[in-house]
Protein backbone atom coordinates (compact mmCIF):
# COMPACT_ATOMS: atom_id res chain seq x y z
CA MET A 1 11.68 -35.98 5.54
CA ASN A 2 14.17 -32.63 6.27
CA ASN A 3 12.25 -29.18 6.85
CA GLY A 4 9.66 -30.21 4.57
CA THR A 5 11.92 -31.48 1.74
CA ILE A 6 11.59 -35.14 0.64
CA GLU A 7 15.43 -37.00 0.95
CA ASN A 8 14.49 -40.09 -0.38
CA PRO A 9 15.89 -40.55 -4.09
CA TRP A 10 13.15 -42.93 -5.20
CA PHE A 11 10.10 -40.80 -3.98
CA ARG A 12 11.96 -37.24 -5.27
CA ARG A 13 11.96 -39.20 -9.01
CA MET A 14 8.25 -39.85 -8.50
CA LEU A 15 7.44 -36.67 -7.54
CA LYS A 16 9.84 -35.27 -10.45
CA PRO A 17 9.59 -37.63 -12.71
CA GLN A 18 11.91 -37.89 -15.64
CA CYS A 19 10.84 -40.65 -17.59
CA PRO A 20 7.24 -42.62 -17.94
CA ASP A 21 8.72 -45.23 -15.36
CA ASP A 22 9.16 -42.96 -12.64
CA ARG A 23 5.12 -41.90 -12.72
CA PHE A 24 4.70 -45.52 -12.73
CA GLU A 25 6.50 -46.25 -9.54
CA TYR A 26 4.23 -43.82 -7.85
CA LEU A 27 1.02 -45.86 -8.50
CA ASP A 28 3.04 -49.11 -7.70
CA TYR A 29 3.65 -47.83 -4.48
CA MET A 30 -0.03 -46.50 -4.12
CA VAL A 31 -1.65 -50.04 -4.85
CA ASP A 32 1.46 -51.96 -2.59
CA PHE A 33 -0.20 -49.82 0.13
CA TYR A 34 -3.44 -50.37 -0.61
CA PHE A 35 -2.94 -54.58 -0.76
CA LYS A 36 -0.72 -54.23 2.94
CA VAL A 37 -3.82 -52.90 4.49
CA MET A 38 -6.22 -55.14 2.75
CA MET A 39 -4.26 -57.96 4.30
CA GLU A 40 -4.68 -56.32 7.87
CA LEU A 41 -8.46 -56.30 7.49
CA GLY A 42 -8.58 -59.40 6.41
CA SER A 43 -8.40 -60.80 9.92
CA VAL A 44 -10.16 -57.75 12.28
CA GLY A 45 -13.56 -58.56 13.31
CA PHE A 46 -16.47 -55.83 12.73
CA LYS A 47 -19.42 -54.44 14.93
CA SER A 48 -21.94 -54.90 11.77
CA GLN A 49 -22.54 -56.69 8.27
CA PHE A 50 -22.54 -53.89 6.35
CA ARG A 51 -19.07 -52.24 7.34
CA ALA A 52 -17.83 -55.59 6.99
CA GLN A 53 -18.89 -56.20 3.61
CA MET A 54 -17.91 -52.27 2.67
CA THR A 55 -14.50 -53.42 3.07
CA SER A 56 -14.84 -54.71 -0.13
CA SER A 57 -14.92 -51.30 -1.65
CA LEU A 58 -11.16 -50.91 -0.73
CA GLN A 59 -10.60 -54.19 -2.63
CA MET A 60 -12.22 -52.78 -5.63
CA MET A 61 -10.64 -49.23 -5.72
CA PHE A 62 -6.85 -51.49 -5.42
CA THR A 63 -8.20 -53.79 -8.79
CA LYS A 64 -8.78 -50.74 -10.53
CA GLY A 65 -5.43 -49.25 -9.99
CA LYS A 66 -3.56 -52.63 -10.29
CA SER A 67 -5.40 -52.81 -13.68
CA MET A 68 -4.29 -49.43 -14.70
CA ARG A 69 -0.39 -50.36 -13.97
CA LEU A 70 -1.08 -52.95 -16.26
CA LEU A 71 -2.72 -51.41 -18.93
CA LEU A 72 -0.02 -48.85 -19.00
CA ASP A 73 2.51 -51.31 -20.35
CA GLY A 74 0.84 -50.82 -23.26
CA TYR A 75 -0.19 -53.22 -26.27
CA SER A 76 1.27 -53.57 -29.72
CA HIS A 77 0.34 -55.56 -32.82
CA ARG A 78 2.06 -56.94 -36.22
CA ASN A 79 0.51 -58.08 -38.99
CA GLY A 80 2.96 -59.03 -41.78
CA ASN A 81 5.58 -56.31 -42.30
CA ILE A 82 3.80 -53.26 -40.35
CA THR A 83 4.10 -53.04 -36.77
CA LEU A 84 2.08 -50.90 -34.02
CA ASN A 85 4.51 -49.66 -31.67
CA SER A 86 3.41 -50.47 -27.81
CA GLN A 87 0.95 -47.73 -26.46
CA ALA A 88 -1.50 -47.81 -24.19
CA ASP A 89 -5.46 -46.73 -25.17
CA HIS A 90 -6.13 -43.40 -22.46
CA THR A 91 -9.95 -44.19 -23.30
CA VAL A 92 -9.95 -47.06 -21.17
CA LEU A 93 -7.58 -45.47 -18.69
CA PHE A 94 -9.98 -42.90 -18.24
CA THR A 95 -12.60 -45.50 -18.43
CA ILE A 96 -10.74 -46.62 -15.04
CA VAL A 97 -10.64 -43.35 -13.78
CA ARG A 98 -14.18 -42.48 -14.33
CA ALA A 99 -15.22 -45.70 -12.05
CA ALA A 100 -12.65 -44.62 -9.37
CA TYR A 101 -14.23 -41.19 -9.26
CA GLU A 102 -17.83 -42.52 -8.38
CA GLN A 103 -15.89 -45.30 -6.10
CA LEU A 104 -14.39 -42.78 -4.32
CA CYS A 105 -17.62 -40.07 -4.07
CA ALA A 106 -20.11 -43.44 -3.04
CA PHE A 107 -17.83 -44.20 -0.06
CA GLU A 108 -17.75 -39.96 0.82
CA LEU A 109 -21.59 -40.07 0.78
CA LEU A 110 -21.94 -43.19 2.79
CA PHE A 111 -18.84 -42.82 5.61
CA LEU A 112 -17.57 -39.18 5.36
CA ILE A 113 -20.37 -36.73 4.69
CA PRO A 114 -22.79 -38.20 7.08
CA ASP A 115 -22.38 -36.92 10.45
CA THR A 116 -25.30 -37.93 12.72
CA ASP A 117 -26.34 -42.14 13.01
CA ASP A 118 -29.63 -41.26 11.41
CA LYS A 119 -28.04 -39.74 8.27
CA ARG A 120 -25.66 -42.87 8.35
CA ILE A 121 -28.48 -45.44 8.81
CA ILE A 122 -30.63 -43.76 5.85
CA LEU A 123 -27.64 -43.69 3.70
CA GLU A 124 -26.89 -47.26 4.03
CA ASN A 125 -29.76 -48.29 3.51
CA ALA A 126 -30.90 -46.43 0.71
CA TYR A 127 -27.52 -47.73 -0.40
CA VAL A 128 -28.65 -51.66 -0.43
CA ALA A 129 -32.04 -51.00 -1.19
CA ALA A 130 -31.21 -49.16 -4.54
CA ALA A 131 -28.70 -52.20 -5.41
CA GLN A 132 -31.76 -54.71 -4.66
CA ILE A 133 -34.08 -52.79 -7.03
CA ASN A 134 -31.75 -52.18 -9.56
CA ARG A 135 -31.37 -55.70 -9.44
CA LEU A 136 -34.84 -56.68 -9.64
CA LYS A 137 -35.10 -54.73 -12.81
CA ALA A 138 -32.64 -56.39 -14.36
CA PHE A 139 -34.70 -59.45 -14.30
CA THR A 140 -36.69 -60.25 -16.87
CA GLU A 141 -40.63 -61.16 -16.12
CA GLU A 142 -39.70 -64.78 -16.96
CA ALA A 143 -36.81 -65.25 -14.73
CA LEU A 144 -38.84 -63.18 -11.90
CA THR A 145 -41.28 -66.34 -12.53
CA ARG A 146 -38.31 -68.72 -12.62
CA TYR A 147 -36.54 -67.86 -9.38
CA PRO A 148 -39.75 -66.70 -6.97
CA GLU A 149 -37.25 -67.98 -3.78
CA GLU A 150 -34.25 -65.44 -4.68
CA THR A 151 -36.74 -62.52 -5.76
CA THR A 152 -39.03 -62.94 -2.74
CA GLU A 153 -36.24 -62.46 -0.64
CA THR A 154 -34.81 -59.73 -2.35
CA ARG A 155 -38.15 -58.03 -2.07
CA LEU A 156 -38.31 -59.02 1.91
CA ASP A 157 -34.76 -57.24 1.86
CA ILE A 158 -36.28 -54.13 0.61
CA GLU A 159 -38.78 -53.74 3.22
CA CYS A 160 -36.91 -54.32 5.91
CA CYS A 161 -34.23 -51.29 4.70
CA ARG A 162 -37.37 -49.22 4.40
CA LYS A 163 -38.40 -49.83 7.74
CA GLU A 164 -35.14 -49.52 9.21
CA ILE A 165 -35.03 -45.68 7.32
CA GLN A 166 -38.69 -44.77 8.74
CA ASN A 167 -37.76 -45.72 11.90
CA THR A 168 -35.37 -43.03 12.44
CA ALA A 169 -36.31 -39.75 13.95
CA LEU A 170 -34.67 -37.64 10.92
CA TYR A 171 -36.89 -39.38 8.45
CA GLN A 172 -39.98 -38.81 11.36
CA SER A 173 -39.01 -35.17 10.87
CA LEU A 174 -39.35 -34.59 7.68
CA SER A 175 -42.29 -33.10 5.62
CA ASP A 176 -44.61 -35.24 3.84
CA GLY A 177 -42.94 -33.89 0.58
CA GLU A 178 -39.95 -34.77 1.98
CA LYS A 179 -40.75 -38.63 3.03
CA THR A 180 -42.44 -38.93 -0.47
CA LYS A 181 -39.18 -37.68 -2.48
CA LEU A 182 -37.07 -39.77 -0.38
CA GLU A 183 -38.97 -42.55 -1.22
CA GLU A 184 -39.13 -42.01 -4.70
CA THR A 185 -35.69 -41.41 -5.11
CA ILE A 186 -34.77 -44.98 -3.07
CA PHE A 187 -37.53 -47.15 -3.66
CA LYS A 188 -39.15 -46.26 -6.97
CA LYS A 189 -35.84 -44.96 -9.52
CA GLY A 190 -32.86 -46.76 -7.65
CA GLU A 191 -31.03 -43.97 -6.57
CA TYR A 192 -28.42 -43.72 -3.48
CA GLN A 193 -26.82 -40.14 -4.28
CA ILE A 194 -28.29 -38.27 -1.22
CA VAL A 195 -27.43 -35.72 1.04
CA PHE A 196 -28.62 -34.46 4.49
CA THR A 197 -27.60 -30.56 5.35
CA LYS A 198 -26.74 -30.03 8.92
CA GLU A 199 -30.09 -29.08 9.31
CA GLY A 200 -31.64 -32.22 8.12
CA LYS A 201 -32.80 -30.81 4.89
CA MET A 202 -32.33 -33.74 2.00
CA ILE A 203 -30.67 -32.98 -0.98
CA ALA A 204 -31.56 -35.53 -3.63
CA HIS A 205 -29.91 -36.91 -6.13
CA VAL A 206 -26.55 -35.45 -5.73
CA GLY A 207 -24.31 -36.01 -9.34
CA TRP A 208 -20.95 -37.49 -8.61
CA ASP A 209 -19.62 -34.28 -9.66
CA GLN A 210 -21.43 -32.09 -6.92
CA VAL A 211 -20.33 -34.93 -4.10
CA ARG A 212 -16.92 -32.84 -3.53
CA ASP A 213 -19.01 -29.86 -2.62
CA TYR A 214 -20.30 -31.78 0.29
CA CYS A 215 -17.36 -33.48 1.54
CA LEU A 216 -14.36 -30.38 1.49
CA LEU A 217 -13.15 -31.57 -2.04
CA ASN A 218 -14.47 -28.67 -3.89
CA THR A 219 -10.76 -27.62 -5.13
CA ASP A 220 -9.91 -26.31 -8.87
CA ALA A 221 -7.63 -29.19 -9.07
CA LEU A 222 -10.40 -31.75 -8.98
CA HIS A 223 -13.12 -29.67 -10.65
CA GLY A 224 -14.32 -30.80 -13.77
CA VAL A 225 -12.40 -34.32 -13.32
CA TYR A 226 -15.08 -36.12 -14.08
CA ARG A 227 -16.78 -34.64 -16.85
CA TYR A 228 -13.10 -34.99 -18.56
CA ALA A 229 -13.03 -38.41 -17.84
CA CYS A 230 -16.57 -38.91 -19.17
CA ASN A 231 -15.59 -37.31 -22.30
CA MET A 232 -12.51 -39.29 -22.81
CA ALA A 233 -13.82 -42.51 -22.52
CA HIS A 234 -17.50 -42.24 -23.87
CA PRO A 235 -17.70 -42.71 -27.64
CA SER A 236 -19.45 -39.52 -27.90
CA TYR A 237 -18.36 -37.31 -30.77
CA LEU A 238 -16.08 -35.01 -28.57
CA GLY A 239 -14.50 -38.93 -27.42
CA LEU A 240 -13.83 -39.55 -31.53
CA ILE A 241 -12.56 -35.84 -32.04
CA GLN A 242 -9.93 -36.31 -28.96
CA PHE A 243 -8.99 -39.79 -29.23
CA HIS A 244 -8.15 -38.74 -33.27
CA GLU A 245 -6.00 -35.84 -32.27
CA ALA A 246 -4.27 -37.18 -30.06
CA TYR A 247 -3.17 -40.14 -32.27
CA LYS A 248 -2.59 -37.47 -34.87
CA GLU A 249 -0.73 -34.78 -33.17
CA GLY A 250 1.21 -37.53 -30.68
CA ALA A 251 -0.42 -36.02 -27.40
CA ILE A 252 -1.26 -39.69 -26.37
CA GLY A 253 1.69 -39.93 -23.63
CA GLU A 254 0.53 -36.73 -22.48
CA LEU A 255 -3.30 -37.79 -21.81
CA ASN A 256 -1.89 -41.17 -20.20
CA ASP A 257 -0.05 -39.15 -18.10
CA THR A 258 -3.26 -37.21 -16.86
CA ALA A 259 -5.27 -40.06 -16.51
CA LEU A 260 -2.41 -41.87 -14.17
CA THR A 261 -2.06 -38.73 -12.12
CA GLN A 262 -5.80 -38.15 -11.57
CA MET A 263 -6.20 -41.96 -10.35
CA ILE A 264 -3.28 -41.84 -8.15
CA ALA A 265 -4.93 -38.64 -6.77
CA ILE A 266 -8.18 -40.38 -6.46
CA MET A 267 -6.23 -43.39 -4.24
CA SER A 268 -4.66 -40.99 -1.98
CA VAL A 269 -8.41 -39.20 -1.12
CA TYR A 270 -10.19 -42.39 -0.57
CA ILE A 271 -7.12 -44.02 1.31
CA MET A 272 -6.67 -41.71 3.75
CA ASP A 273 -10.34 -41.30 3.87
CA PHE A 274 -10.81 -45.00 3.93
CA LEU A 275 -8.50 -44.88 7.44
CA LYS A 276 -10.85 -42.35 8.81
CA ALA A 277 -14.06 -44.68 8.63
CA TYR A 278 -11.84 -47.86 9.37
CA PRO A 279 -9.22 -46.85 12.08
CA GLU A 280 -8.79 -50.91 12.91
CA ALA A 281 -6.35 -50.41 9.75
CA LYS A 282 -4.80 -46.99 10.33
CA TYR A 283 -1.79 -48.77 12.40
CA VAL A 284 -0.45 -49.82 8.62
CA TYR A 285 0.28 -45.86 7.85
CA ASP A 286 1.24 -45.12 11.41
CA GLU A 287 4.34 -47.40 10.97
CA LEU A 288 5.54 -45.60 7.81
CA ASP A 289 8.34 -43.48 8.07
CA ASP A 290 7.06 -39.81 7.56
CA GLU A 291 8.13 -39.45 3.97
CA SER A 292 6.41 -42.98 2.84
CA GLN A 293 3.03 -41.04 4.77
CA PHE A 294 3.86 -37.95 2.61
CA MET A 295 3.37 -40.24 -0.41
CA VAL A 296 0.06 -41.70 0.57
CA ARG A 297 -1.25 -38.46 1.61
CA MET A 298 -0.13 -35.86 -0.52
CA TYR A 299 -2.93 -35.44 -2.97
CA SER A 300 -5.25 -36.37 0.11
CA GLU A 301 -3.54 -33.30 2.27
CA CYS A 302 -3.31 -31.22 -0.67
CA PHE A 303 -6.63 -31.13 -1.66
CA ARG A 304 -8.65 -31.36 1.65
CA ASN A 305 -5.85 -28.06 2.42
CA SER A 306 -6.78 -25.60 -0.18
CA SER A 307 -10.39 -26.53 -0.37
CA GLU A 308 -10.35 -25.58 3.63
CA LEU A 309 -8.39 -22.29 2.57
CA SER A 310 -10.55 -21.43 -0.01
CA ARG A 311 -13.80 -21.45 1.87
CA LYS A 312 -12.16 -19.38 4.27
CA SER A 313 -11.03 -16.54 2.04
């Protein structure tokens, strides 16, 4: 990189694509970097079982990126003399974008937003307990009776999480009303989307589109991304209209490119924050040349810096 200018012709094509393949190669590049980090983490030991388990989140994001890349190659169909030209289904692409965005937000809630040990302990245990509670809700009464050992073990895990949360000084400092709200959010509703302010005030059930407000991602570029992806992916009336118009007007290529760009951006933010939370693997990034590092962090840096500037202005 010379005076902030990318000289690598391959990277220059990714940044100023002349054809779909140029943009596709950017996603390929991000997916390949994810894979390298995954391979390195396989040989790293972790201090807690939770942190070890959470490395699967990286693998999940990798599979989303890889799946989108394969779907972008499109499909075709032939029936007799009638042939449907190759195309990608933008509604499925935006379903992946939506899931990736939620995964990014979950990681932010657990690893980036909590700034004290107590907050991390509460969020980690809320995350585990909420999953176990929703697991029990999925069982029928017959299944609960049929698998007593499994359901008993699950309930013990939930109670263990409850004790871990209740033993923190932060929990004990909450008012009775806040304690009740916290308990109901986690152990009744099975939700973990909780944020604590610097003063220790609890904000329960933070929507996925609100999480960015608490982790310096509140930028115009990300505003509405989640809602847009939901509108595209859901079988709502709006979704049906957009689907019809996309094929009618031939705008399907632009929609696919939008989904691809959003996916690359989410992967950029996620991987840079993952490496903050897991410095054991950061050397994979550090060993890259300057231009390669820039390609990995570009969207993350853009969103973080523009957000920081907007808050200072």
